[in-house]
PDB file of N, CA and C in Angstrom:
ATOM      1  N   MET A   1      11.734  -3.290 -45.789  1.00  0.00           N
ATOM      2  CA  MET A   1      10.655  -2.966 -44.522  1.00  0.00           C
ATOM      3  C   MET A   1      10.736  -1.430 -44.362  1.00  0.00           C
ATOM      4  N   ARG A   2       9.948  -0.935 -44.288  1.00  0.00           N
ATOM      5  CA  ARG A   2       9.196   0.480 -44.303  1.00  0.00           C
ATOM      6  C   ARG A   2      10.298   0.823 -42.724  1.00  0.00           C
ATOM      7  N   GLN A   3      10.415   2.093 -42.868  1.00  0.00           N
ATOM      8  CA  GLN A   3      11.179   2.677 -41.522  1.00  0.00           C
ATOM      9  C   GLN A   3       9.483   3.116 -40.698  1.00  0.00           C
ATOM     10  N   GLN A   4       9.812   3.172 -39.689  1.00  0.00           N
ATOM     11  CA  GLN A   4       8.799   3.239 -38.305  1.00  0.00           C
ATOM     12  C   GLN A   4       8.941   5.145 -38.317  1.00  0.00           C
ATOM     13  N   ASN A   5       7.346   5.440 -38.232  1.00  0.00           N
ATOM     14  CA  ASN A   5       7.023   7.115 -38.825  1.00  0.00           C
ATOM     15  C   ASN A   5       7.004   7.280 -37.132  1.00  0.00           C
ATOM     16  N   LYS A   6       6.246   6.183 -35.691  1.00  0.00           N
ATOM     17  CA  LYS A   6       6.620   6.980 -34.295  1.00  0.00           C
ATOM     18  C   LYS A   6       7.447   5.851 -33.719  1.00  0.00           C
ATOM     19  N   PRO A   7       7.998   6.493 -32.762  1.00  0.00           N
ATOM     20  CA  PRO A   7       9.291   5.407 -31.974  1.00  0.00           C
ATOM     21  C   PRO A   7       8.313   4.692 -31.458  1.00  0.00           C
ATOM     22  N   PHE A   8       8.889   3.767 -31.049  1.00  0.00           N
ATOM     23  CA  PHE A   8       8.601   2.103 -30.526  1.00  0.00           C
ATOM     24  C   PHE A   8       8.618   2.602 -28.980  1.00  0.00           C
ATOM     25  N   ILE A   9       7.149   2.929 -28.325  1.00  0.00           N
ATOM     26  CA  ILE A   9       7.756   3.091 -26.701  1.00  0.00           C
ATOM     27  C   ILE A   9       6.755   1.917 -25.669  1.00  0.00           C
ATOM     28  N   ILE A  10       7.409   1.576 -24.546  1.00  0.00           N
ATOM     29  CA  ILE A  10       6.543   0.130 -23.869  1.00  0.00           C
ATOM     30  C   ILE A  10       6.362   0.950 -22.055  1.00  0.00           C
ATOM     31  N   GLU A  11       5.421   0.893 -22.000  1.00  0.00           N
ATOM     32  CA  GLU A  11       5.261   1.841 -21.285  1.00  0.00           C
ATOM     33  C   GLU A  11       4.434   0.733 -19.653  1.00  0.00           C
ATOM     34  N   ARG A  12       5.789   0.978 -18.264  1.00  0.00           N
ATOM     35  CA  ARG A  12       5.074  -0.218 -17.512  1.00  0.00           C
ATOM     36  C   ARG A  12       4.044   0.107 -16.585  1.00  0.00           C
ATOM     37  N   LYS A  13       2.676  -0.023 -16.268  1.00  0.00           N
ATOM     38  CA  LYS A  13       1.862   0.305 -15.517  1.00  0.00           C
ATOM     39  C   LYS A  13       1.339  -0.103 -14.265  1.00  0.00           C
ATOM     40  N   PRO A  14       1.737   0.648 -12.980  1.00  0.00           N
ATOM     41  CA  PRO A  14       1.811  -0.163 -11.771  1.00  0.00           C
ATOM     42  C   PRO A  14       0.520  -1.169 -11.566  1.00  0.00           C
ATOM     43  N   SER A  15       0.824  -2.354 -10.821  1.00  0.00           N
ATOM     44  CA  SER A  15      -0.332  -3.565 -10.380  1.00  0.00           C
ATOM     45  C   SER A  15      -1.294  -2.574  -9.599  1.00  0.00           C
ATOM     46  N   ARG A  16      -2.410  -3.166  -9.992  1.00  0.00           N
ATOM     47  CA  ARG A  16      -3.707  -2.581  -8.856  1.00  0.00           C
ATOM     48  C   ARG A  16      -3.546  -3.349  -7.942  1.00  0.00           C
ATOM     49  N   LYS A  17      -3.179  -4.257  -7.701  1.00  0.00           N
ATOM     50  CA  LYS A  17      -3.077  -5.081  -6.246  1.00  0.00           C
ATOM     51  C   LYS A  17      -1.679  -4.432  -5.658  1.00  0.00           C
ATOM     52  N   THR A  18      -1.598  -4.002  -3.997  1.00  0.00           N
ATOM     53  CA  THR A  18      -1.044  -3.858  -3.424  1.00  0.00           C
ATOM     54  C   THR A  18      -0.182  -4.738  -2.689  1.00  0.00           C
ATOM     55  N   LYS A  19       1.116  -4.546  -2.681  1.00  0.00           N
ATOM     56  CA  LYS A  19       1.705  -5.556  -2.217  1.00  0.00           C
ATOM     57  C   LYS A  19       2.300  -6.002  -1.126  1.00  0.00           C
ATOM     58  N   PRO A  20       2.013  -6.924  -0.548  1.00  0.00           N
ATOM     59  CA  PRO A  20       2.598  -6.550   1.402  1.00  0.00           C
ATOM     60  C   PRO A  20       3.766  -6.384   1.206  1.00  0.00           C
ATOM     61  N   ASP A  21       3.845  -5.998   2.435  1.00  0.00           N
ATOM     62  CA  ASP A  21       5.212  -5.480   3.014  1.00  0.00           C
ATOM     63  C   ASP A  21       6.088  -7.141   2.860  1.00  0.00           C
ATOM     64  N   ALA A  22       5.869  -7.527   3.845  1.00  0.00           N
ATOM     65  CA  ALA A  22       6.752  -8.737   4.718  1.00  0.00           C
ATOM     66  C   ALA A  22       5.629  -9.804   3.439  1.00  0.00           C
ATOM     67  N   GLU A  23       6.552 -10.725   3.554  1.00  0.00           N
ATOM     68  CA  GLU A  23       6.669 -11.699   2.898  1.00  0.00           C
ATOM     69  C   GLU A  23       5.520 -12.623   2.760  1.00  0.00           C
ATOM     70  N   LYS A  24       4.755 -13.696   2.268  1.00  0.00           N
ATOM     71  CA  LYS A  24       3.579 -14.318   3.010  1.00  0.00           C
ATOM     72  C   LYS A  24       4.228 -15.700   3.884  1.00  0.00           C
ATOM     73  N   PRO A  25       3.491 -15.487   4.549  1.00  0.00           N
ATOM     74  CA  PRO A  25       4.075 -16.813   5.588  1.00  0.00           C
ATOM     75  C   PRO A  25       3.706 -18.033   5.102  1.00  0.00           C
ATOM     76  N   SER A  26       5.153 -19.146   5.499  1.00  0.00           N
ATOM     77  CA  SER A  26       5.106 -20.334   4.849  1.00  0.00           C
ATOM     78  C   SER A  26       3.632 -21.080   5.578  1.00  0.00           C
ATOM     79  N   ILE A  27       3.323 -22.087   4.492  1.00  0.00           N
ATOM     80  CA  ILE A  27       1.927 -22.921   4.910  1.00  0.00           C
ATOM     81  C   ILE A  27       2.836 -23.866   6.039  1.00  0.00           C
ATOM     82  N   TRP A  28       4.222 -24.315   6.651  1.00  0.00           N
ATOM     83  CA  TRP A  28       4.876 -24.926   7.229  1.00  0.00           C
ATOM     84  C   TRP A  28       4.844 -24.132   8.495  1.00  0.00           C
ATOM     85  N   GLY A  29       4.708 -22.776   8.332  1.00  0.00           N
ATOM     86  CA  GLY A  29       5.075 -21.826   9.886  1.00  0.00           C
ATOM     87  C   GLY A  29       6.011 -22.200  10.199  1.00  0.00           C
ATOM     88  N   ARG A  30       5.968 -22.541  11.345  1.00  0.00           N
ATOM     89  CA  ARG A  30       8.090 -21.956  12.366  1.00  0.00           C
ATOM     90  C   ARG A  30       8.229 -23.161  12.169  1.00  0.00           C
ATOM     91  N   LEU A  31       8.035 -24.715  11.488  1.00  0.00           N
ATOM     92  CA  LEU A  31       8.208 -25.891  11.700  1.00  0.00           C
ATOM     93  C   LEU A  31       9.594 -26.498  11.107  1.00  0.00           C
ATOM     94  N   ASP A  32      10.200 -25.665   9.968  1.00  0.00           N
ATOM     95  CA  ASP A  32      10.824 -26.005   9.890  1.00  0.00           C
ATOM     96  C   ASP A  32      12.586 -25.209  10.882  1.00  0.00           C
ATOM     97  N   ALA A  33      11.895 -24.196  11.091  1.00  0.00           N
ATOM     98  CA  ALA A  33      12.567 -23.412  12.078  1.00  0.00           C
ATOM     99  C   ALA A  33      13.108 -24.370  13.524  1.00  0.00           C
ATOM    100  N   ASP A  34      12.109 -24.996  13.801  1.00  0.00           N
ATOM    101  CA  ASP A  34      11.860 -25.544  14.950  1.00  0.00           C
ATOM    102  C   ASP A  34      13.238 -26.553  14.811  1.00  0.00           C
ATOM    103  N   ILE A  35      12.621 -27.436  13.260  1.00  0.00           N
ATOM    104  CA  ILE A  35      13.456 -28.705  13.157  1.00  0.00           C
ATOM    105  C   ILE A  35      14.855 -28.220  12.884  1.00  0.00           C
ATOM    106  N   ALA A  36      15.449 -27.661  12.464  1.00  0.00           N
ATOM    107  CA  ALA A  36      16.901 -26.554  12.152  1.00  0.00           C
ATOM    108  C   ALA A  36      17.302 -26.622  13.971  1.00  0.00           C
ATOM    109  N   GLN A  37      16.295 -25.917  14.435  1.00  0.00           N
ATOM    110  CA  GLN A  37      17.116 -25.618  15.972  1.00  0.00           C
ATOM    111  C   GLN A  37      17.376 -27.100  16.867  1.00  0.00           C
ATOM    112  N   GLY A  38      16.201 -27.620  16.893  1.00  0.00           N
ATOM    113  CA  GLY A  38      16.403 -29.010  17.809  1.00  0.00           C
ATOM    114  C   GLY A  38      17.125 -30.018  17.131  1.00  0.00           C
ATOM    115  N   LEU A  39      17.764 -29.670  15.681  1.00  0.00           N
ATOM    116  CA  LEU A  39      18.793 -30.400  14.975  1.00  0.00           C
ATOM    117  C   LEU A  39      20.316 -30.266  15.703  1.00  0.00           C
ATOM    118  N   LYS A  40      19.976 -28.956  15.960  1.00  0.00           N
ATOM    119  CA  LYS A  40      21.513 -28.296  16.334  1.00  0.00           C
ATOM    120  C   LYS A  40      21.494 -28.551  17.818  1.00  0.00           C
ATOM    121  N   ASP A  41      20.937 -28.800  18.315  1.00  0.00           N
ATOM    122  CA  ASP A  41      20.416 -29.204  19.951  1.00  0.00           C
ATOM    123  C   ASP A  41      21.275 -30.291  19.812  1.00  0.00           C
ATOM    124  N   GLN A  42      20.726 -31.192  19.088  1.00  0.00           N
ATOM    125  CA  GLN A  42      20.600 -32.291  19.277  1.00  0.00           C
ATOM    126  C   GLN A  42      22.320 -32.841  19.212  1.00  0.00           C
ATOM    127  N   LYS A  43      22.915 -31.821  17.996  1.00  0.00           N
ATOM    128  CA  LYS A  43      24.266 -31.919  17.130  1.00  0.00           C
ATOM    129  C   LYS A  43      25.396 -31.791  18.596  1.00  0.00           C
ATOM    130  N   ASP A  44      24.796 -30.191  19.646  1.00  0.00           N
ATOM    131  CA  ASP A  44      25.749 -29.824  20.876  1.00  0.00           C
ATOM    132  C   ASP A  44      25.621 -31.022  20.809  1.00  0.00           C
ATOM    133  N   ALA A  45      24.751 -31.649  22.136  1.00  0.00           N
ATOM    134  CA  ALA A  45      24.386 -32.853  23.107  1.00  0.00           C
ATOM    135  C   ALA A  45      25.140 -33.722  22.681  1.00  0.00           C
ATOM    136  N   ASP A  46      25.403 -34.372  21.334  1.00  0.00           N
ATOM    137  CA  ASP A  46      26.179 -35.531  20.686  1.00  0.00           C
ATOM    138  C   ASP A  46      27.409 -34.920  21.157  1.00  0.00           C
ATOM    139  N   ARG A  47      27.407 -34.203  20.689  1.00  0.00           N
ATOM    140  CA  ARG A  47      29.416 -33.577  20.936  1.00  0.00           C
ATOM    141  C   ARG A  47      29.859 -33.960  21.999  1.00  0.00           C
ATOM    142  N   SER A  48      28.661 -32.896  23.333  1.00  0.00           N
ATOM    143  CA  SER A  48      29.649 -32.977  24.337  1.00  0.00           C
ATOM    144  C   SER A  48      29.274 -34.253  25.382  1.00  0.00           C
ATOM    145  N   ALA A  49      28.389 -35.309  24.524  1.00  0.00           N
ATOM    146  CA  ALA A  49      28.743 -36.378  25.873  1.00  0.00           C
ATOM    147  C   ALA A  49      29.860 -36.887  24.934  1.00  0.00           C
ATOM    148  N   ALA A  50      30.498 -36.643  23.388  1.00  0.00           N
ATOM    149  CA  ALA A  50      31.596 -37.692  22.979  1.00  0.00           C
ATOM    150  C   ALA A  50      32.590 -37.161  24.208  1.00  0.00           C
ATOM    151  N   THR A  51      33.156 -36.300  23.998  1.00  0.00           N
ATOM    152  CA  THR A  51      34.448 -35.189  24.791  1.00  0.00           C
ATOM    153  C   THR A  51      34.037 -35.304  26.386  1.00  0.00           C
ATOM    154  N   GLY A  52      32.818 -36.008  26.789  1.00  0.00           N
ATOM    155  CA  GLY A  52      32.710 -36.979  28.071  1.00  0.00           C
ATOM    156  C   GLY A  52      32.429 -35.278  28.957  1.00  0.00           C
ATOM    157  N   SER A  53      32.282 -34.538  28.581  1.00  0.00           N
ATOM    158  CA  SER A  53      31.853 -33.343  29.375  1.00  0.00           C
ATOM    159  C   SER A  53      30.968 -33.452  29.854  1.00  0.00           C
ATOM    160  N   ASP A  54      30.189 -32.406  31.386  1.00  0.00           N
ATOM    161  CA  ASP A  54      29.268 -33.425  31.829  1.00  0.00           C
ATOM    162  C   ASP A  54      28.436 -31.103  32.220  1.00  0.00           C
ATOM    163  N   ASP A  55      27.598 -31.200  31.815  1.00  0.00           N
ATOM    164  CA  ASP A  55      26.950 -29.770  31.954  1.00  0.00           C
ATOM    165  C   ASP A  55      25.816 -29.892  32.607  1.00  0.00           C
ATOM    166  N   ARG A  56      25.524 -30.782  33.193  1.00  0.00           N
ATOM    167  CA  ARG A  56      24.688 -31.127  34.352  1.00  0.00           C
ATOM    168  C   ARG A  56      25.237 -29.944  35.891  1.00  0.00           C
ATOM    169  N   ALA A  57      23.999 -28.889  36.137  1.00  0.00           N
ATOM    170  CA  ALA A  57      24.275 -28.688  37.558  1.00  0.00           C
ATOM    171  C   ALA A  57      24.342 -29.399  38.731  1.00  0.00           C
TER     172      ALA A  57
END
């Protein structure tokens, strides 16, 4: 195999598209966060009912 005459160089050119600063929002919106919060609230309510504490005013 012959020796290379010129060094092999790879250039990385920047993309022409501008990258958004914020991530692209999910197609589900805040649904996953709302479900997670609802499950947490339900778990807390079940726990307080199981211990017999009453949080009502």
